[in-house]
């Protein structure tokens, strides 16, 4: 949305949000975050700001591939407006827990902060694809970016370019400084994400320096989490809404739904904020909660992302209003729920029917423009955790797993039809799509899960579901 000249002039006359125009305490850095983006700010930064001991816990947040978010937030001393967008209207609050916003390429500053004795933890939102684990769950040291970082680390010259390379470099600095133990808290949408982070970090450390790997084993705890808050991209209209409601300029507001959830499991050897004051839950066994979120929320999101775009929709709310998409989601949820009950729940009270009902309400919030194109990225990585486990669980019980297979079929159709296809294996998917018939399906499936691709019955099942959402597609 373009603003008129008069609107631009009016906005420029407003004071910019910062710690001078908006009086806010600046807590000391105790948390270092990798992956400064909208979700981190609507979730972990918000929880930290809501803790009763928030005055003791500041965050230094580093960007990923580009410095833009850090530059914009640094102009505001780390402050930003959180817009909670409900069906009934918006509410606005200023979040002050981020006290330093830094370009991720500034690896020396990262090392300084991680090696500081006051730093108690490193939190991560670096996306699922960044962990570079192979099918065996271990770090793929042959991946080009991983190999490049290992060469830089071994040479002692130059700075690592990946989030994990940068983190391992910084952990080496902490070891050298004798700054003691700390926690790494993974907040990416991965099953057993603490174990994933451990395998990736320990694998990179071991490939570089065995003594560092031993130190990591003894001194770094890896906390698993399940995170949840729908956070769409900020638009010019959102920026204008903040100006109109708050009488200041904010170049970095974040829009999110009112709902939020955080479940954590693991040790914090150097302490942590009282996140439970904002509703965070600490449990001994997190897997049932992870699966509930990965399968029901994230799985439905992936299904809607591919099926919805094939049928001409652009947002989650639009896709969910399409009866064909809704039916597919409900069928997948039925399969997932069957594998979240009884022994699979591990004694946890998951309240799946209520969770499903709440998801329908959240997804239907038309005021949250959650774009399907954003969700559709990195499908080869996401489907391993969102569709494949449900498919395998169903088939292990003698059931077809057709609803989970339909998600995979929709992704395959989308991979061939999309004008822009963002995926870490995009080139390999494109090559597989040049094949025909079941061999094409088998080749694409092999990129998601080789064991699934080796099952002729699954290949036939997925092949038969191709085209489900492309025949008579809606124009949205």
Protein backbone atom coordinates (compact mmCIF):
# COMPACT_ATOMS: atom_id res chain seq x y z
CA UNK A 1 0.00 0.00 0.00
CA UNK A 2 1.52 3.33 -1.05
CA UNK A 3 1.00 6.31 1.21
CA UNK A 4 -0.01 9.70 -0.21
CA UNK A 5 2.44 12.60 -0.02
CA UNK A 6 0.36 14.15 2.74
CA UNK A 7 0.39 10.90 4.72
CA UNK A 8 4.15 10.59 4.31
CA UNK A 9 4.66 14.17 5.52
CA UNK A 10 2.38 13.55 8.50
CA UNK A 11 4.29 10.39 9.39
CA UNK A 12 7.64 12.15 9.14
CA UNK A 13 6.45 14.76 11.62
CA UNK A 14 5.91 12.06 14.25
CA UNK A 15 8.71 11.16 16.67
CA UNK A 16 10.47 7.86 15.95
CA UNK A 17 10.16 5.09 18.52
CA UNK A 18 13.34 4.74 20.60
CA UNK A 19 14.39 4.67 24.26
CA UNK A 20 14.44 8.49 24.40
CA UNK A 21 10.96 9.15 23.02
CA UNK A 22 9.60 6.05 24.75
CA UNK A 23 11.15 5.65 28.17
CA UNK A 24 12.13 1.98 28.55
CA UNK A 25 14.71 0.36 30.76
CA UNK A 26 17.64 -1.29 28.98
CA UNK A 27 18.41 -4.61 30.65
CA UNK A 28 21.89 -6.14 30.39
CA UNK A 29 22.55 -8.69 27.65
CA UNK A 30 22.03 -12.18 29.07
CA UNK A 31 20.60 -13.84 25.93
CA UNK A 32 22.14 -13.98 22.46
CA UNK A 33 19.75 -14.79 19.63
CA UNK A 34 20.55 -16.00 16.11
CA UNK A 35 17.87 -15.34 13.51
CA UNK A 36 16.43 -11.89 14.16
CA UNK A 37 13.06 -11.90 12.43
CA UNK A 38 9.40 -11.27 13.04
CA UNK A 39 8.73 -14.58 14.80
CA UNK A 40 11.55 -14.17 17.31
CA UNK A 41 10.22 -10.74 18.18
CA UNK A 42 6.58 -11.83 18.52
CA UNK A 43 7.51 -14.90 20.55
CA UNK A 44 10.77 -15.22 22.54
CA UNK A 45 11.35 -11.45 22.82
CA UNK A 46 7.73 -10.95 23.94
CA UNK A 47 7.94 -13.74 26.55
CA UNK A 48 11.18 -12.26 27.90
CA UNK A 49 9.60 -8.81 28.15
CA UNK A 50 6.67 -10.27 30.11
CA UNK A 51 8.81 -12.06 32.70
CA UNK A 52 8.74 -10.62 36.23
CA UNK A 53 12.55 -10.41 36.09
CA UNK A 54 12.60 -8.81 32.62
CA UNK A 55 14.84 -6.02 33.94
CA UNK A 56 17.65 -8.59 34.30
CA UNK A 57 17.36 -10.16 30.83
CA UNK A 58 18.30 -8.29 27.67
CA UNK A 59 18.65 -9.87 24.24
CA UNK A 60 21.34 -9.22 21.63
CA UNK A 61 19.79 -10.42 18.37
CA UNK A 62 21.74 -11.21 15.19
CA UNK A 63 20.26 -11.36 11.71
CA UNK A 64 20.69 -14.25 9.31
CA UNK A 65 21.50 -13.63 5.65
CA UNK A 66 20.93 -9.85 5.49
CA UNK A 67 21.59 -6.96 7.87
CA UNK A 68 18.38 -5.02 7.09
CA UNK A 69 16.38 -6.02 10.18
CA UNK A 70 19.28 -5.17 12.48
CA UNK A 71 19.87 -1.79 10.88
CA UNK A 72 16.19 -0.87 11.12
CA UNK A 73 15.84 -2.03 14.72
CA UNK A 74 19.10 -0.42 15.81
CA UNK A 75 17.64 2.98 14.82
CA UNK A 76 15.02 2.37 17.51
CA UNK A 77 17.38 1.10 20.24
CA UNK A 78 15.85 -2.35 19.74
CA UNK A 79 12.30 -1.22 20.54
CA UNK A 80 9.38 -2.30 18.37
CA UNK A 81 5.60 -2.36 18.49
CA UNK A 82 3.77 -5.67 18.77
CA UNK A 83 0.36 -5.47 17.10
CA UNK A 84 -1.93 -8.21 18.41
CA UNK A 85 -4.50 -8.66 15.67
CA UNK A 86 -7.77 -10.24 16.74
CA UNK A 87 -11.04 -10.48 14.83
CA UNK A 88 -12.38 -7.73 17.09
CA UNK A 89 -9.51 -5.29 16.47
CA UNK A 90 -5.86 -4.48 17.16
CA UNK A 91 -4.00 -3.83 20.40
CA UNK A 92 -0.55 -2.24 20.54
CA UNK A 93 2.35 -2.66 22.97
CA UNK A 94 6.05 -1.77 22.93
CA UNK A 95 8.52 -4.62 23.51
CA UNK A 96 11.86 -3.61 25.00
CA UNK A 97 13.74 -6.86 25.63
CA UNK A 98 15.99 -6.56 22.55
CA UNK A 99 18.77 -4.20 23.56
CA UNK A 100 21.21 -4.81 20.70
CA UNK A 101 20.42 -5.65 17.05
CA UNK A 102 23.43 -6.79 15.04
CA UNK A 103 24.27 -7.81 11.49
CA UNK A 104 24.78 -11.58 11.54
CA UNK A 105 27.99 -11.16 9.57
CA UNK A 106 29.57 -9.42 12.59
CA UNK A 107 31.00 -12.68 13.91
CA UNK A 108 33.50 -10.93 16.18
CA UNK A 109 30.70 -9.19 18.08
CA UNK A 110 28.88 -12.51 18.33
CA UNK A 111 31.99 -14.13 19.81
CA UNK A 112 32.38 -11.26 22.31
CA UNK A 113 28.83 -11.61 23.54
CA UNK A 114 28.71 -15.42 23.67
CA UNK A 115 32.03 -15.47 25.57
CA UNK A 116 30.83 -12.93 28.14
CA UNK A 117 30.28 -14.56 31.57
CA UNK A 118 26.90 -12.82 31.92
CA UNK A 119 25.50 -14.55 28.81
CA UNK A 120 23.37 -17.48 29.94
CA UNK A 121 21.96 -18.81 26.69
CA UNK A 122 21.83 -18.68 22.92
CA UNK A 123 18.39 -18.98 21.32
CA UNK A 124 17.89 -19.99 17.70
CA UNK A 125 15.32 -19.31 14.97
CA UNK A 126 17.47 -20.09 11.94
CA UNK A 127 14.86 -22.15 9.95
CA UNK A 128 14.67 -25.91 9.62
CA UNK A 129 16.97 -26.05 6.60
CA UNK A 130 19.90 -24.39 8.40
CA UNK A 131 20.80 -27.44 10.51
CA UNK A 132 22.09 -29.37 7.46
CA UNK A 133 21.46 -32.82 8.89
CA UNK A 134 21.48 -35.83 6.59
CA UNK A 135 18.94 -38.67 6.52
CA UNK A 136 20.89 -40.31 9.39
CA UNK A 137 20.27 -37.30 11.64
CA UNK A 138 23.94 -36.28 11.65
CA UNK A 139 25.57 -33.18 10.19
CA UNK A 140 26.14 -33.38 6.43
CA UNK A 141 29.74 -32.19 6.27
CA UNK A 142 29.66 -32.51 2.47
CA UNK A 143 27.08 -29.72 2.11
CA UNK A 144 28.84 -26.87 0.32
CA UNK A 145 28.19 -24.20 2.96
CA UNK A 146 29.17 -26.53 5.81
CA UNK A 147 32.37 -27.55 4.00
CA UNK A 148 33.11 -23.88 3.33
CA UNK A 149 32.74 -22.97 7.01
CA UNK A 150 34.92 -25.90 8.09
CA UNK A 151 37.64 -24.73 5.72
CA UNK A 152 37.45 -21.19 7.14
CA UNK A 153 37.51 -22.44 10.73
CA UNK A 154 40.48 -24.72 10.01
CA UNK A 155 42.43 -21.94 8.32
CA UNK A 156 41.86 -19.49 11.16
CA UNK A 157 41.15 -16.74 8.64
CA UNK A 158 37.82 -15.35 7.55
CA UNK A 159 34.44 -15.63 9.24
CA UNK A 160 31.94 -18.50 8.96
CA UNK A 161 28.87 -17.74 6.87
CA UNK A 162 26.26 -20.14 8.28
CA UNK A 163 24.41 -19.67 11.57
CA UNK A 164 25.85 -22.92 12.93
CA UNK A 165 29.38 -22.09 11.83
CA UNK A 166 29.09 -18.71 13.53
CA UNK A 167 27.71 -20.31 16.70
CA UNK A 168 30.51 -22.89 16.88
CA UNK A 169 33.08 -20.13 16.36
CA UNK A 170 31.49 -18.18 19.24
CA UNK A 171 31.38 -21.26 21.50
CA UNK A 172 35.10 -21.71 20.90
CA UNK A 173 35.57 -18.14 22.13
CA UNK A 174 33.52 -18.91 25.26
CA UNK A 175 35.64 -21.97 25.95
CA UNK A 176 38.82 -19.91 25.54
CA UNK A 177 37.46 -17.26 27.91
CA UNK A 178 36.58 -19.82 30.58
CA UNK A 179 33.11 -18.29 30.80
CA UNK A 180 31.41 -21.50 31.91
CA UNK A 181 28.35 -23.45 30.78
CA UNK A 182 25.32 -22.12 28.95
CA UNK A 183 22.16 -23.33 27.20
CA UNK A 184 21.37 -23.44 23.49
CA UNK A 185 17.61 -23.15 23.02
CA UNK A 186 16.30 -24.22 19.61
CA UNK A 187 13.04 -22.50 18.65
CA UNK A 188 12.71 -23.86 15.10
CA UNK A 189 9.86 -26.11 13.99
CA UNK A 190 11.67 -29.43 14.21
CA UNK A 191 10.85 -32.63 16.06
CA UNK A 192 13.32 -33.14 18.92
CA UNK A 193 14.78 -29.78 18.02
CA UNK A 194 17.17 -29.76 20.96
CA UNK A 195 18.68 -33.02 19.71
CA UNK A 196 18.79 -31.63 16.17
CA UNK A 197 20.68 -28.57 17.40
CA UNK A 198 23.02 -30.75 19.48
CA UNK A 199 23.83 -33.03 16.54
CA UNK A 200 24.46 -30.08 14.23
CA UNK A 201 26.59 -28.06 16.66
CA UNK A 202 28.51 -31.06 18.05
CA UNK A 203 29.01 -32.42 14.53
CA UNK A 204 30.49 -29.17 13.29
CA UNK A 205 32.65 -28.79 16.41
CA UNK A 206 33.93 -32.36 16.09
CA UNK A 207 34.80 -31.87 12.43
CA UNK A 208 36.81 -28.77 13.36
CA UNK A 209 38.32 -29.43 16.80
CA UNK A 210 37.78 -32.58 18.89
CA UNK A 211 38.71 -30.76 22.11
CA UNK A 212 36.04 -28.12 21.44
CA UNK A 213 33.52 -30.90 20.78
CA UNK A 214 34.38 -32.43 24.16
CA UNK A 215 33.92 -29.02 25.84
CA UNK A 216 30.53 -28.60 24.15
CA UNK A 217 29.49 -32.03 25.41
CA UNK A 218 30.39 -31.08 28.98
CA UNK A 219 29.29 -27.43 29.08
CA UNK A 220 26.43 -26.79 26.64
CA UNK A 221 22.88 -27.97 27.31
CA UNK A 222 20.49 -28.18 24.38
CA UNK A 223 16.91 -27.29 25.26
CA UNK A 224 14.00 -28.59 23.18
CA UNK A 225 10.98 -26.37 22.63
CA UNK A 226 7.62 -26.28 20.93
CA UNK A 227 6.82 -22.73 19.76
CA UNK A 228 3.56 -21.34 18.47
CA UNK A 229 2.36 -17.93 17.36
CA UNK A 230 1.16 -17.07 13.87
CA UNK A 231 3.23 -14.08 12.73
CA UNK A 232 2.68 -12.85 9.15
CA UNK A 233 4.96 -10.48 7.31
CA UNK A 234 4.60 -6.80 8.21
CA UNK A 235 3.12 -4.58 5.49
CA UNK A 236 3.14 -0.84 4.80
CA UNK A 237 -0.47 -0.80 5.98
CA UNK A 238 0.64 -2.23 9.34
CA UNK A 239 3.27 0.50 9.70
CA UNK A 240 0.62 3.13 8.92
CA UNK A 241 -1.78 1.57 11.45
CA UNK A 242 0.86 1.87 14.19
CA UNK A 243 1.47 5.53 13.30
CA UNK A 244 -2.25 6.29 13.43
CA UNK A 245 -2.86 4.48 16.72
CA UNK A 246 0.34 5.26 18.61
CA UNK A 247 1.42 8.72 17.37
CA UNK A 248 5.00 7.66 16.69
CA UNK A 249 6.93 6.16 13.77
CA UNK A 250 8.01 2.54 14.02
CA UNK A 251 9.93 1.13 11.07
CA UNK A 252 9.83 -2.42 12.46
CA UNK A 253 6.44 -3.31 13.96
CA UNK A 254 5.41 -6.96 14.21
CA UNK A 255 1.87 -8.26 13.72
CA UNK A 256 0.79 -11.47 15.45
CA UNK A 257 -2.31 -13.29 16.55
CA UNK A 258 -3.28 -12.97 20.24
CA UNK A 259 -2.65 -16.71 20.82
CA UNK A 260 0.82 -17.80 21.88
CA UNK A 261 2.29 -21.01 23.30
CA UNK A 262 5.74 -22.15 24.41
CA UNK A 263 6.67 -25.54 25.85
CA UNK A 264 10.30 -26.17 26.92
CA UNK A 265 12.28 -29.16 28.17
CA UNK A 266 15.90 -29.09 29.26
CA UNK A 267 18.45 -27.56 31.59
CA UNK A 268 19.52 -23.92 31.94
CA UNK A 269 22.88 -24.15 33.74
CA UNK A 270 23.38 -20.37 33.82
CA UNK A 271 19.78 -19.44 34.60
CA UNK A 272 16.82 -18.18 32.57
CA UNK A 273 14.04 -15.56 32.70
CA UNK A 274 10.75 -16.41 34.40
CA UNK A 275 9.02 -17.10 31.09
CA UNK A 276 6.32 -19.02 32.95
CA UNK A 277 4.96 -15.64 34.07
CA UNK A 278 3.76 -15.19 30.46
CA UNK A 279 2.41 -18.73 30.21
CA UNK A 280 5.45 -20.78 29.10
CA UNK A 281 5.29 -24.40 30.26
CA UNK A 282 8.27 -26.52 31.35
CA UNK A 283 7.94 -30.29 30.96
CA UNK A 284 10.13 -33.39 31.31
CA UNK A 285 9.01 -34.99 28.03
CA UNK A 286 8.34 -32.64 25.13
CA UNK A 287 7.87 -34.99 22.18
CA UNK A 288 4.05 -35.29 22.45
CA UNK A 289 3.72 -31.49 22.49
CA UNK A 290 6.12 -31.15 19.57
CA UNK A 291 4.19 -33.68 17.52
CA UNK A 292 0.86 -32.04 18.31
CA UNK A 293 2.15 -28.73 17.01
CA UNK A 294 4.20 -30.06 14.07
CA UNK A 295 1.42 -32.33 12.79
CA UNK A 296 -1.74 -30.37 13.56
CA UNK A 297 -0.65 -26.76 13.09
CA UNK A 298 2.42 -26.95 10.86
CA UNK A 299 1.14 -29.96 8.92
CA UNK A 300 -2.13 -28.21 8.15
CA UNK A 301 -0.20 -25.09 7.17
CA UNK A 302 1.91 -27.04 4.67
CA UNK A 303 -1.13 -28.78 3.23
CA UNK A 304 -2.94 -25.47 2.83
CA UNK A 305 0.17 -23.82 1.37
CA UNK A 306 0.40 -26.27 -1.53
CA UNK A 307 -3.26 -27.17 -2.03
CA UNK A 308 -4.38 -23.58 -1.54
CA UNK A 309 -1.98 -22.10 -4.06
CA UNK A 310 -2.82 -24.80 -6.59
CA UNK A 311 -6.45 -23.73 -6.21
CA UNK A 312 -5.70 -20.03 -6.59
CA UNK A 313 -5.65 -18.86 -2.97
CA UNK A 314 -3.01 -16.64 -1.37
CA UNK A 315 -3.69 -16.74 2.40
CA UNK A 316 -4.43 -19.38 5.01
CA UNK A 317 -7.88 -17.95 5.71
CA UNK A 318 -8.80 -18.04 2.00
CA UNK A 319 -7.61 -21.63 1.61
CA UNK A 320 -9.43 -22.82 4.72
CA UNK A 321 -12.68 -21.34 3.37
CA UNK A 322 -12.35 -23.64 0.32
CA UNK A 323 -14.33 -26.84 1.14
CA UNK A 324 -11.85 -29.05 -0.72
CA UNK A 325 -8.91 -27.70 1.26
CA UNK A 326 -10.81 -27.88 4.55
CA UNK A 327 -11.78 -31.50 3.92
CA UNK A 328 -8.15 -32.39 3.23
CA UNK A 329 -7.03 -30.70 6.47
CA UNK A 330 -9.69 -32.44 8.56
CA UNK A 331 -8.75 -35.82 7.06
CA UNK A 332 -5.07 -35.25 7.81
CA UNK A 333 -5.95 -34.17 11.35
CA UNK A 334 -7.92 -37.39 11.83
CA UNK A 335 -4.83 -39.41 10.93
CA UNK A 336 -2.56 -37.28 13.11
CA UNK A 337 -4.94 -37.39 16.10
CA UNK A 338 -5.03 -41.17 15.96
CA UNK A 339 -1.28 -41.11 16.51
CA UNK A 340 -1.35 -38.52 19.30
CA UNK A 341 -3.57 -40.62 21.56
CA UNK A 342 -2.98 -43.36 24.11
CA UNK A 343 0.64 -44.43 24.52
CA UNK A 344 1.76 -41.87 21.90
CA UNK A 345 0.72 -39.06 24.26
CA UNK A 346 3.22 -40.26 26.86
CA UNK A 347 0.86 -39.31 29.67
CA UNK A 348 0.55 -35.70 28.44
CA UNK A 349 -2.94 -34.15 28.39
CA UNK A 350 -2.81 -32.87 24.81
CA UNK A 351 -6.53 -32.00 24.53
CA UNK A 352 -6.38 -32.62 20.79
CA UNK A 353 -10.09 -31.98 19.97
CA UNK A 354 -9.93 -28.58 21.68
CA UNK A 355 -6.59 -27.85 19.97
CA UNK A 356 -8.12 -28.65 16.56
CA UNK A 357 -11.11 -26.40 17.23
CA UNK A 358 -8.81 -23.57 18.31
CA UNK A 359 -6.73 -23.99 15.14
CA UNK A 360 -9.80 -23.64 12.94
CA UNK A 361 -10.63 -20.37 14.68
CA UNK A 362 -7.04 -19.12 14.44
CA UNK A 363 -6.67 -20.07 10.77
CA UNK A 364 -9.99 -18.38 9.96
CA UNK A 365 -8.87 -15.00 11.34
CA UNK A 366 -9.06 -13.10 8.03
CA UNK A 367 -7.36 -10.09 9.63
CA UNK A 368 -4.14 -12.13 9.88
CA UNK A 369 -2.91 -12.24 6.27
CA UNK A 370 -0.71 -15.32 6.62
CA UNK A 371 0.56 -15.81 3.08
CA UNK A 372 0.74 -19.32 1.68
CA UNK A 373 3.87 -18.51 -0.35
CA UNK A 374 5.72 -17.80 2.91
CA UNK A 375 4.68 -21.14 4.41
CA UNK A 376 5.43 -23.09 1.23
CA UNK A 377 9.21 -22.55 1.38
CA UNK A 378 11.60 -25.42 2.18
CA UNK A 379 9.01 -28.16 1.70
CA UNK A 380 11.53 -30.98 1.31
CA UNK A 381 12.72 -30.30 4.86
CA UNK A 382 9.34 -29.53 6.41
CA UNK A 383 7.49 -32.56 5.02
CA UNK A 384 9.98 -34.90 6.70
CA UNK A 385 8.57 -33.73 10.03
CA UNK A 386 4.99 -32.85 9.14
CA UNK A 387 3.76 -35.53 6.70
CA UNK A 388 6.18 -38.47 6.75
CA UNK A 389 5.83 -39.40 10.47
CA UNK A 390 2.03 -39.53 10.20
CA UNK A 391 2.21 -41.50 6.94
CA UNK A 392 4.59 -44.06 8.44
CA UNK A 393 2.61 -44.36 11.68
CA UNK A 394 -0.61 -44.98 9.76
CA UNK A 395 0.94 -47.59 7.48
CA UNK A 396 2.57 -49.36 10.43
CA UNK A 397 -0.98 -49.97 11.70
CA UNK A 398 -2.17 -51.36 8.37
CA UNK A 399 -3.88 -48.11 7.34
CA UNK A 400 -3.32 -46.29 4.07
CA UNK A 401 -2.06 -42.90 5.33
CA UNK A 402 -3.81 -41.36 2.32
CA UNK A 403 -4.36 -37.96 3.94
CA UNK A 404 -0.66 -37.56 4.77
CA UNK A 405 0.22 -38.85 1.30
CA UNK A 406 -2.06 -36.20 -0.18
CA UNK A 407 0.06 -33.47 1.44
CA UNK A 408 3.12 -34.90 -0.28
CA UNK A 409 1.27 -35.19 -3.60
CA UNK A 410 0.16 -31.56 -3.34
CA UNK A 411 3.77 -30.51 -2.74
CA UNK A 412 4.93 -32.47 -5.80
CA UNK A 413 2.23 -30.83 -7.94
CA UNK A 414 3.18 -27.43 -6.55
CA UNK A 415 6.89 -28.02 -7.21
CA UNK A 416 6.15 -28.47 -10.90
CA UNK A 417 3.56 -25.68 -11.23
CA UNK A 418 5.04 -22.87 -9.13
CA UNK A 419 6.65 -19.93 -10.89
CA UNK A 420 9.01 -19.57 -7.93
CA UNK A 421 10.00 -22.62 -5.91
CA UNK A 422 12.06 -21.96 -2.77
CA UNK A 423 13.68 -25.10 -1.40
CA UNK A 424 17.19 -26.16 -0.34
CA UNK A 425 16.85 -29.01 -2.86
CA UNK A 426 15.19 -26.96 -5.60
CA UNK A 427 17.66 -28.07 -8.29
CA UNK A 428 17.28 -31.73 -7.37
CA UNK A 429 13.47 -31.45 -7.32
CA UNK A 430 13.52 -29.80 -10.76
CA UNK A 431 15.68 -32.64 -12.11
CA UNK A 432 13.35 -35.27 -10.64
CA UNK A 433 10.35 -33.52 -12.19
CA UNK A 434 11.84 -34.13 -15.65
CA UNK A 435 11.13 -37.85 -15.19
CA UNK A 436 7.74 -39.39 -15.94
CA UNK A 437 5.13 -41.41 -14.09
CA UNK A 438 5.96 -43.30 -10.93
CA UNK A 439 9.70 -42.86 -11.48
CA UNK A 440 9.22 -39.10 -11.17
CA UNK A 441 7.29 -39.57 -7.93
CA UNK A 442 9.89 -41.98 -6.57
CA UNK A 443 12.73 -39.57 -7.40
CA UNK A 444 11.02 -36.63 -5.68
CA UNK A 445 10.04 -38.76 -2.67
CA UNK A 446 13.65 -39.87 -2.30
CA UNK A 447 14.60 -36.25 -1.63
CA UNK A 448 12.17 -36.17 1.31
CA UNK A 449 12.70 -39.67 2.71
CA UNK A 450 14.61 -42.45 0.91
CA UNK A 451 12.84 -45.19 2.89
CA UNK A 452 9.43 -43.90 1.84
CA UNK A 453 10.59 -43.73 -1.77
CA UNK A 454 11.65 -47.38 -1.60
CA UNK A 455 8.10 -48.47 -0.72
CA UNK A 456 6.33 -49.28 -4.01
CA UNK A 457 2.90 -49.08 -2.37
CA UNK A 458 3.55 -45.52 -1.12
CA UNK A 459 4.86 -44.46 -4.53
CA UNK A 460 1.65 -45.80 -6.11
CA UNK A 461 -0.48 -44.11 -3.43
CA UNK A 462 1.14 -40.71 -3.93
CA UNK A 463 1.08 -41.10 -7.73
CA UNK A 464 -2.66 -41.71 -7.63
CA UNK A 465 -3.25 -38.55 -5.62
CA UNK A 466 -1.42 -36.21 -8.01
CA UNK A 467 -3.70 -33.63 -9.57
CA UNK A 468 -6.21 -33.69 -6.70
CA UNK A 469 -6.07 -29.92 -6.29
CA UNK A 470 -5.33 -28.91 -9.87
CA UNK A 471 -8.51 -30.26 -11.49
CA UNK A 472 -11.13 -27.50 -11.58
CA UNK A 473 -9.00 -25.19 -9.45
CA UNK A 474 -10.68 -22.19 -7.87
CA UNK A 475 -9.67 -18.64 -8.83
CA UNK A 476 -9.77 -17.68 -5.14
